Amino acid sequence: MPVWSELCAIARWLLRQPDPPPPPGTGQAIQAAEQAAARRQLLGLAEAERLRNSRWHSEPTQPNAYQPLTLGQRTGYQVRYDR
C-alpha cells in the first residue's frame, strides 16, 4: 500500500490537483476523542485528590519492630572475590 499512496501523490503532483479534503465530521470526531481523554484525566485527578483527603491516607503508619540486617542485606548480596 505505501507504493500505491506514493504513486497517487506523484500523480497528484503531476496533475497539480490539491489533496482531497478530509471526510466531513473528521475534526469533530478528533475533538470528541480529545475531550473524552481530558475528561478521563480530570476524573482520575479528582479521584486522587479525594483519596489524598480521605482519613485512611492521613493516618500515620505503624512502625515495624526493629530487625537487624543480615550481612547479605547490608552488602546488597554482592560477593567479593579475592584474587
PDB file of N, CA and C in Angstrom:
ATOM      1  N   MET A   1       0.801  -1.198   0.000  1.00  0.00           N
ATOM      2  CA  MET A   1       0.000   0.000   0.000  1.00  0.00           C
ATOM      3  C   MET A   1       0.852   1.274   0.000  1.00  0.00           C
ATOM      4  N   PRO A   2       2.035   1.286   0.634  1.00  0.00           N
ATOM      5  CA  PRO A   2       2.822   2.521   0.584  1.00  0.00           C
ATOM      6  C   PRO A   2       3.195   2.912  -0.844  1.00  0.00           C
ATOM      7  N   VAL A   3       3.422   1.920  -1.711  1.00  0.00           N
ATOM      8  CA  VAL A   3       3.774   2.224  -3.092  1.00  0.00           C
ATOM      9  C   VAL A   3       2.586   2.897  -3.785  1.00  0.00           C
ATOM     10  N   TRP A   4       1.377   2.394  -3.519  1.00  0.00           N
ATOM     11  CA  TRP A   4       0.186   2.965  -4.126  1.00  0.00           C
ATOM     12  C   TRP A   4      -0.011   4.411  -3.685  1.00  0.00           C
ATOM     13  N   SER A   5       0.182   4.690  -2.414  1.00  0.00           N
ATOM     14  CA  SER A   5      -0.003   6.065  -1.943  1.00  0.00           C
ATOM     15  C   SER A   5       1.060   6.987  -2.532  1.00  0.00           C
ATOM     16  N   GLU A   6       2.279   6.471  -2.719  1.00  0.00           N
ATOM     17  CA  GLU A   6       3.322   7.283  -3.346  1.00  0.00           C
ATOM     18  C   GLU A   6       2.969   7.569  -4.807  1.00  0.00           C
ATOM     19  N   LEU A   7       2.439   6.565  -5.494  1.00  0.00           N
ATOM     20  CA  LEU A   7       2.038   6.769  -6.885  1.00  0.00           C
ATOM     21  C   LEU A   7       0.913   7.796  -6.982  1.00  0.00           C
ATOM     22  N   CYS A   8      -0.030   7.741  -6.069  1.00  0.00           N
ATOM     23  CA  CYS A   8      -1.118   8.732  -6.061  1.00  0.00           C
ATOM     24  C   CYS A   8      -0.573  10.130  -5.795  1.00  0.00           C
ATOM     25  N   ALA A   9       0.380  10.239  -4.890  1.00  0.00           N
ATOM     26  CA  ALA A   9       0.963  11.543  -4.578  1.00  0.00           C
ATOM     27  C   ALA A   9       1.707  12.099  -5.790  1.00  0.00           C
ATOM     28  N   ILE A  10       2.423  11.232  -6.498  1.00  0.00           N
ATOM     29  CA  ILE A  10       3.139  11.677  -7.695  1.00  0.00           C
ATOM     30  C   ILE A  10       2.146  12.091  -8.776  1.00  0.00           C
ATOM     31  N   ALA A  11       1.075  11.306  -8.952  1.00  0.00           N
ATOM     32  CA  ALA A  11       0.069  11.656  -9.955  1.00  0.00           C
ATOM     33  C   ALA A  11      -0.594  12.981  -9.613  1.00  0.00           C
ATOM     34  N   ARG A  12      -0.898  13.217  -8.334  1.00  0.00           N
ATOM     35  CA  ARG A  12      -1.486  14.488  -7.922  1.00  0.00           C
ATOM     36  C   ARG A  12      -0.534  15.643  -8.197  1.00  0.00           C
ATOM     37  N   TRP A  13       0.762  15.403  -7.918  1.00  0.00           N
ATOM     38  CA  TRP A  13       1.749  16.464  -8.145  1.00  0.00           C
ATOM     39  C   TRP A  13       1.854  16.764  -9.629  1.00  0.00           C
ATOM     40  N   LEU A  14       1.858  15.701 -10.439  1.00  0.00           N
ATOM     41  CA  LEU A  14       1.961  15.900 -11.883  1.00  0.00           C
ATOM     42  C   LEU A  14       0.725  16.609 -12.435  1.00  0.00           C
ATOM     43  N   LEU A  15      -0.432  16.261 -11.945  1.00  0.00           N
ATOM     44  CA  LEU A  15      -1.669  16.868 -12.428  1.00  0.00           C
ATOM     45  C   LEU A  15      -2.003  18.162 -11.692  1.00  0.00           C
ATOM     46  N   ARG A  16      -1.231  18.491 -10.673  1.00  0.00           N
ATOM     47  CA  ARG A  16      -1.411  19.701  -9.865  1.00  0.00           C
ATOM     48  C   ARG A  16      -2.805  19.769  -9.253  1.00  0.00           C
ATOM     49  N   GLN A  17      -3.291  18.629  -8.799  1.00  0.00           N
ATOM     50  CA  GLN A  17      -4.583  18.609  -8.131  1.00  0.00           C
ATOM     51  C   GLN A  17      -4.347  18.712  -6.629  1.00  0.00           C
ATOM     52  N   PRO A  18      -5.132  19.504  -5.950  1.00  0.00           N
ATOM     53  CA  PRO A  18      -4.940  19.609  -4.489  1.00  0.00           C
ATOM     54  C   PRO A  18      -5.352  18.303  -3.797  1.00  0.00           C
ATOM     55  N   ASP A  19      -4.833  18.121  -2.609  1.00  0.00           N
ATOM     56  CA  ASP A  19      -5.212  16.950  -1.817  1.00  0.00           C
ATOM     57  C   ASP A  19      -6.705  17.012  -1.528  1.00  0.00           C
ATOM     58  N   PRO A  20      -7.358  15.874  -1.555  1.00  0.00           N
ATOM     59  CA  PRO A  20      -8.796  15.896  -1.266  1.00  0.00           C
ATOM     60  C   PRO A  20      -9.036  16.283   0.195  1.00  0.00           C
ATOM     61  N   PRO A  21     -10.121  16.980   0.465  1.00  0.00           N
ATOM     62  CA  PRO A  21     -10.396  17.380   1.852  1.00  0.00           C
ATOM     63  C   PRO A  21     -10.747  16.151   2.688  1.00  0.00           C
ATOM     64  N   PRO A  22     -10.540  16.231   3.997  1.00  0.00           N
ATOM     65  CA  PRO A  22     -10.905  15.099   4.854  1.00  0.00           C
ATOM     66  C   PRO A  22     -12.423  14.901   4.849  1.00  0.00           C
ATOM     67  N   PRO A  23     -12.859  13.702   5.162  1.00  0.00           N
ATOM     68  CA  PRO A  23     -14.300  13.468   5.188  1.00  0.00           C
ATOM     69  C   PRO A  23     -14.987  14.366   6.208  1.00  0.00           C
ATOM     70  N   PRO A  24     -16.238  14.713   5.955  1.00  0.00           N
ATOM     71  CA  PRO A  24     -16.937  15.591   6.895  1.00  0.00           C
ATOM     72  C   PRO A  24     -17.068  14.944   8.268  1.00  0.00           C
ATOM     73  N   GLY A  25     -16.887  15.755   9.293  1.00  0.00           N
ATOM     74  CA  GLY A  25     -17.022  15.264  10.663  1.00  0.00           C
ATOM     75  C   GLY A  25     -15.727  14.765  11.264  1.00  0.00           C
ATOM     76  N   THR A  26     -14.623  14.768  10.486  1.00  0.00           N
ATOM     77  CA  THR A  26     -13.347  14.261  10.998  1.00  0.00           C
ATOM     78  C   THR A  26     -12.861  15.118  12.165  1.00  0.00           C
ATOM     79  N   GLY A  27     -12.936  16.434  11.999  1.00  0.00           N
ATOM     80  CA  GLY A  27     -12.478  17.331  13.059  1.00  0.00           C
ATOM     81  C   GLY A  27     -13.305  17.178  14.326  1.00  0.00           C
ATOM     82  N   GLN A  28     -14.597  16.967  14.164  1.00  0.00           N
ATOM     83  CA  GLN A  28     -15.470  16.800  15.331  1.00  0.00           C
ATOM     84  C   GLN A  28     -15.155  15.489  16.051  1.00  0.00           C
ATOM     85  N   ALA A  29     -14.836  14.442  15.296  1.00  0.00           N
ATOM     86  CA  ALA A  29     -14.511  13.158  15.922  1.00  0.00           C
ATOM     87  C   ALA A  29     -13.197  13.258  16.700  1.00  0.00           C
ATOM     88  N   ILE A  30     -12.218  13.940  16.126  1.00  0.00           N
ATOM     89  CA  ILE A  30     -10.932  14.108  16.817  1.00  0.00           C
ATOM     90  C   ILE A  30     -11.137  14.937  18.084  1.00  0.00           C
ATOM     91  N   GLN A  31     -11.914  16.014  17.979  1.00  0.00           N
ATOM     92  CA  GLN A  31     -12.163  16.867  19.139  1.00  0.00           C
ATOM     93  C   GLN A  31     -12.905  16.098  20.225  1.00  0.00           C
ATOM     94  N   ALA A  32     -13.856  15.266  19.854  1.00  0.00           N
ATOM     95  CA  ALA A  32     -14.598  14.483  20.840  1.00  0.00           C
ATOM     96  C   ALA A  32     -13.677  13.491  21.544  1.00  0.00           C
ATOM     97  N   ALA A  33     -12.760  12.880  20.794  1.00  0.00           N
ATOM     98  CA  ALA A  33     -11.814  11.937  21.408  1.00  0.00           C
ATOM     99  C   ALA A  33     -10.890  12.656  22.382  1.00  0.00           C
ATOM    100  N   GLU A  34     -10.415  13.842  22.008  1.00  0.00           N
ATOM    101  CA  GLU A  34      -9.543  14.609  22.899  1.00  0.00           C
ATOM    102  C   GLU A  34     -10.293  15.042  24.157  1.00  0.00           C
ATOM    103  N   GLN A  35     -11.550  15.442  24.009  1.00  0.00           N
ATOM    104  CA  GLN A  35     -12.337  15.848  25.172  1.00  0.00           C
ATOM    105  C   GLN A  35     -12.583  14.668  26.108  1.00  0.00           C
ATOM    106  N   ALA A  36     -12.820  13.486  25.538  1.00  0.00           N
ATOM    107  CA  ALA A  36     -13.036  12.302  26.368  1.00  0.00           C
ATOM    108  C   ALA A  36     -11.772  11.948  27.135  1.00  0.00           C
ATOM    109  N   ALA A  37     -10.610  12.062  26.484  1.00  0.00           N
ATOM    110  CA  ALA A  37      -9.346  11.772  27.167  1.00  0.00           C
ATOM    111  C   ALA A  37      -9.107  12.782  28.293  1.00  0.00           C
ATOM    112  N   ALA A  38      -9.387  14.058  28.040  1.00  0.00           N
ATOM    113  CA  ALA A  38      -9.212  15.081  29.074  1.00  0.00           C
ATOM    114  C   ALA A  38     -10.175  14.841  30.234  1.00  0.00           C
ATOM    115  N   ARG A  39     -11.411  14.436  29.927  1.00  0.00           N
ATOM    116  CA  ARG A  39     -12.387  14.158  30.978  1.00  0.00           C
ATOM    117  C   ARG A  39     -11.928  12.992  31.853  1.00  0.00           C
ATOM    118  N   ARG A  40     -11.389  11.928  31.210  1.00  0.00           N
ATOM    119  CA  ARG A  40     -10.886  10.791  31.995  1.00  0.00           C
ATOM    120  C   ARG A  40      -9.731  11.209  32.889  1.00  0.00           C
ATOM    121  N   GLN A  41      -8.853  12.070  32.369  1.00  0.00           N
ATOM    122  CA  GLN A  41      -7.722  12.529  33.173  1.00  0.00           C
ATOM    123  C   GLN A  41      -8.205  13.374  34.350  1.00  0.00           C
ATOM    124  N   LEU A  42      -9.175  14.245  34.119  1.00  0.00           N
ATOM    125  CA  LEU A  42      -9.700  15.062  35.210  1.00  0.00           C
ATOM    126  C   LEU A  42     -10.389  14.203  36.260  1.00  0.00           C
ATOM    127  N   LEU A  43     -11.131  13.189  35.827  1.00  0.00           N
ATOM    128  CA  LEU A  43     -11.770  12.301  36.785  1.00  0.00           C
ATOM    129  C   LEU A  43     -10.718  11.551  37.593  1.00  0.00           C
ATOM    130  N   GLY A  44      -9.626  11.159  36.951  1.00  0.00           N
ATOM    131  CA  GLY A  44      -8.540  10.493  37.667  1.00  0.00           C
ATOM    132  C   GLY A  44      -7.900  11.417  38.692  1.00  0.00           C
ATOM    133  N   LEU A  45      -7.727  12.687  38.330  1.00  0.00           N
ATOM    134  CA  LEU A  45      -7.153  13.651  39.270  1.00  0.00           C
ATOM    135  C   LEU A  45      -8.100  13.910  40.434  1.00  0.00           C
ATOM    136  N   ALA A  46      -9.394  13.973  40.155  1.00  0.00           N
ATOM    137  CA  ALA A  46     -10.369  14.202  41.217  1.00  0.00           C
ATOM    138  C   ALA A  46     -10.385  13.007  42.178  1.00  0.00           C
ATOM    139  N   GLU A  47     -10.303  11.801  41.632  1.00  0.00           N
ATOM    140  CA  GLU A  47     -10.268  10.601  42.478  1.00  0.00           C
ATOM    141  C   GLU A  47      -9.012  10.585  43.343  1.00  0.00           C
ATOM    142  N   ALA A  48      -7.870  10.975  42.767  1.00  0.00           N
ATOM    143  CA  ALA A  48      -6.627  11.025  43.539  1.00  0.00           C
ATOM    144  C   ALA A  48      -6.724  12.057  44.663  1.00  0.00           C
ATOM    145  N   GLU A  49      -7.319  13.203  44.367  1.00  0.00           N
ATOM    146  CA  GLU A  49      -7.494  14.241  45.390  1.00  0.00           C
ATOM    147  C   GLU A  49      -8.412  13.738  46.512  1.00  0.00           C
ATOM    148  N   ARG A  50      -9.486  13.044  46.131  1.00  0.00           N
ATOM    149  CA  ARG A  50     -10.407  12.512  47.136  1.00  0.00           C
ATOM    150  C   ARG A  50      -9.702  11.488  48.026  1.00  0.00           C
ATOM    151  N   LEU A  51      -8.879  10.642  47.429  1.00  0.00           N
ATOM    152  CA  LEU A  51      -8.160   9.649  48.228  1.00  0.00           C
ATOM    153  C   LEU A  51      -7.114  10.301  49.128  1.00  0.00           C
ATOM    154  N   ARG A  52      -6.463  11.362  48.621  1.00  0.00           N
ATOM    155  CA  ARG A  52      -5.472  12.062  49.450  1.00  0.00           C
ATOM    156  C   ARG A  52      -6.121  12.692  50.670  1.00  0.00           C
ATOM    157  N   ASN A  53      -7.343  13.169  50.506  1.00  0.00           N
ATOM    158  CA  ASN A  53      -8.029  13.828  51.610  1.00  0.00           C
ATOM    159  C   ASN A  53      -8.793  12.859  52.504  1.00  0.00           C
ATOM    160  N   SER A  54      -8.771  11.600  52.172  1.00  0.00           N
ATOM    161  CA  SER A  54      -9.512  10.628  52.980  1.00  0.00           C
ATOM    162  C   SER A  54      -8.785  10.371  54.297  1.00  0.00           C
ATOM    163  N   ARG A  55      -9.512   9.822  55.248  1.00  0.00           N
ATOM    164  CA  ARG A  55      -8.950   9.559  56.572  1.00  0.00           C
ATOM    165  C   ARG A  55      -7.855   8.502  56.495  1.00  0.00           C
ATOM    166  N   TRP A  56      -8.042   7.511  55.622  1.00  0.00           N
ATOM    167  CA  TRP A  56      -7.062   6.429  55.518  1.00  0.00           C
ATOM    168  C   TRP A  56      -5.697   6.961  55.134  1.00  0.00           C
ATOM    169  N   HIS A  57      -5.663   7.932  54.245  1.00  0.00           N
ATOM    170  CA  HIS A  57      -4.377   8.458  53.780  1.00  0.00           C
ATOM    171  C   HIS A  57      -3.693   9.281  54.859  1.00  0.00           C
ATOM    172  N   SER A  58      -4.464   9.956  55.707  1.00  0.00           N
ATOM    173  CA  SER A  58      -3.857  10.852  56.681  1.00  0.00           C
ATOM    174  C   SER A  58      -3.430  10.136  57.967  1.00  0.00           C
ATOM    175  N   GLU A  59      -3.840   8.883  58.142  1.00  0.00           N
ATOM    176  CA  GLU A  59      -3.439   8.169  59.347  1.00  0.00           C
ATOM    177  C   GLU A  59      -1.971   7.776  59.265  1.00  0.00           C
ATOM    178  N   PRO A  60      -1.242   7.907  60.372  1.00  0.00           N
ATOM    179  CA  PRO A  60       0.175   7.505  60.343  1.00  0.00           C
ATOM    180  C   PRO A  60       0.288   5.990  60.239  1.00  0.00           C
ATOM    181  N   THR A  61       1.356   5.560  59.633  1.00  0.00           N
ATOM    182  CA  THR A  61       1.574   4.122  59.513  1.00  0.00           C
ATOM    183  C   THR A  61       2.193   3.596  60.799  1.00  0.00           C
ATOM    184  N   GLN A  62       1.992   2.350  61.065  1.00  0.00           N
ATOM    185  CA  GLN A  62       2.552   1.736  62.262  1.00  0.00           C
ATOM    186  C   GLN A  62       4.010   1.362  62.000  1.00  0.00           C
ATOM    187  N   PRO A  63       4.905   1.753  62.899  1.00  0.00           N
ATOM    188  CA  PRO A  63       6.307   1.398  62.684  1.00  0.00           C
ATOM    189  C   PRO A  63       6.512  -0.100  62.892  1.00  0.00           C
ATOM    190  N   ASN A  64       7.419  -0.655  62.120  1.00  0.00           N
ATOM    191  CA  ASN A  64       7.755  -2.066  62.266  1.00  0.00           C
ATOM    192  C   ASN A  64       8.774  -2.233  63.385  1.00  0.00           C
ATOM    193  N   ALA A  65       8.751  -3.403  64.000  1.00  0.00           N
ATOM    194  CA  ALA A  65       9.753  -3.688  65.025  1.00  0.00           C
ATOM    195  C   ALA A  65      11.128  -3.756  64.363  1.00  0.00           C
ATOM    196  N   TYR A  66      12.140  -3.299  65.064  1.00  0.00           N
ATOM    197  CA  TYR A  66      13.488  -3.275  64.510  1.00  0.00           C
ATOM    198  C   TYR A  66      13.994  -4.694  64.298  1.00  0.00           C
ATOM    199  N   GLN A  67      14.501  -4.934  63.105  1.00  0.00           N
ATOM    200  CA  GLN A  67      15.130  -6.208  62.806  1.00  0.00           C
ATOM    201  C   GLN A  67      16.480  -5.902  62.185  1.00  0.00           C
ATOM    202  N   PRO A  68      17.551  -6.374  62.799  1.00  0.00           N
ATOM    203  CA  PRO A  68      18.871  -6.082  62.240  1.00  0.00           C
ATOM    204  C   PRO A  68      19.031  -6.716  60.859  1.00  0.00           C
ATOM    205  N   LEU A  69      19.811  -6.062  60.026  1.00  0.00           N
ATOM    206  CA  LEU A  69      20.049  -6.567  58.683  1.00  0.00           C
ATOM    207  C   LEU A  69      21.081  -7.686  58.709  1.00  0.00           C
ATOM    208  N   THR A  70      20.918  -8.606  57.810  1.00  0.00           N
ATOM    209  CA  THR A  70      21.929  -9.657  57.673  1.00  0.00           C
ATOM    210  C   THR A  70      23.099  -9.099  56.884  1.00  0.00           C
ATOM    211  N   LEU A  71      24.200  -9.820  56.878  1.00  0.00           N
ATOM    212  CA  LEU A  71      25.380  -9.372  56.145  1.00  0.00           C
ATOM    213  C   LEU A  71      25.058  -9.237  54.660  1.00  0.00           C
ATOM    214  N   GLY A  72      24.287 -10.169  54.129  1.00  0.00           N
ATOM    215  CA  GLY A  72      23.937 -10.094  52.720  1.00  0.00           C
ATOM    216  C   GLY A  72      23.092  -8.884  52.406  1.00  0.00           C
ATOM    217  N   GLN A  73      22.173  -8.517  53.293  1.00  0.00           N
ATOM    218  CA  GLN A  73      21.343  -7.342  53.067  1.00  0.00           C
ATOM    219  C   GLN A  73      22.169  -6.064  53.151  1.00  0.00           C
ATOM    220  N   ARG A  74      23.145  -6.028  54.059  1.00  0.00           N
ATOM    221  CA  ARG A  74      23.970  -4.829  54.188  1.00  0.00           C
ATOM    222  C   ARG A  74      24.869  -4.630  52.984  1.00  0.00           C
ATOM    223  N   THR A  75      25.357  -5.698  52.413  1.00  0.00           N
ATOM    224  CA  THR A  75      26.269  -5.586  51.276  1.00  0.00           C
ATOM    225  C   THR A  75      25.530  -5.645  49.944  1.00  0.00           C
ATOM    226  N   GLY A  76      24.216  -5.782  49.971  1.00  0.00           N
ATOM    227  CA  GLY A  76      23.452  -5.858  48.739  1.00  0.00           C
ATOM    228  C   GLY A  76      23.655  -7.177  48.026  1.00  0.00           C
ATOM    229  N   TYR A  77      23.983  -8.218  48.785  1.00  0.00           N
ATOM    230  CA  TYR A  77      24.205  -9.556  48.257  1.00  0.00           C
ATOM    231  C   TYR A  77      25.292  -9.585  47.186  1.00  0.00           C
ATOM    232  N   GLN A  78      26.264  -8.691  47.337  1.00  0.00           N
ATOM    233  CA  GLN A  78      27.384  -8.700  46.397  1.00  0.00           C
ATOM    234  C   GLN A  78      28.506  -9.537  47.001  1.00  0.00           C
ATOM    235  N   VAL A  79      29.086 -10.354  46.175  1.00  0.00           N
ATOM    236  CA  VAL A  79      30.170 -11.224  46.626  1.00  0.00           C
ATOM    237  C   VAL A  79      31.469 -10.655  46.121  1.00  0.00           C
ATOM    238  N   ARG A  80      32.442 -10.610  47.003  1.00  0.00           N
ATOM    239  CA  ARG A  80      33.750 -10.080  46.636  1.00  0.00           C
ATOM    240  C   ARG A  80      34.739 -11.236  46.584  1.00  0.00           C
ATOM    241  N   TYR A  81      35.373 -11.350  45.462  1.00  0.00           N
ATOM    242  CA  TYR A  81      36.345 -12.428  45.289  1.00  0.00           C
ATOM    243  C   TYR A  81      37.746 -11.834  45.364  1.00  0.00           C
ATOM    244  N   ASP A  82      38.580 -12.430  46.198  1.00  0.00           N
ATOM    245  CA  ASP A  82      39.978 -12.014  46.269  1.00  0.00           C
ATOM    246  C   ASP A  82      40.790 -12.847  45.304  1.00  0.00           C
ATOM    247  N   ARG A  83      41.658 -12.213  44.579  1.00  0.00           N
ATOM    248  CA  ARG A  83      42.482 -12.969  43.630  1.00  0.00           C
ATOM    249  C   ARG A  83      43.921 -12.882  44.010  1.00  0.00           C
TER     250      ARG A  83
END
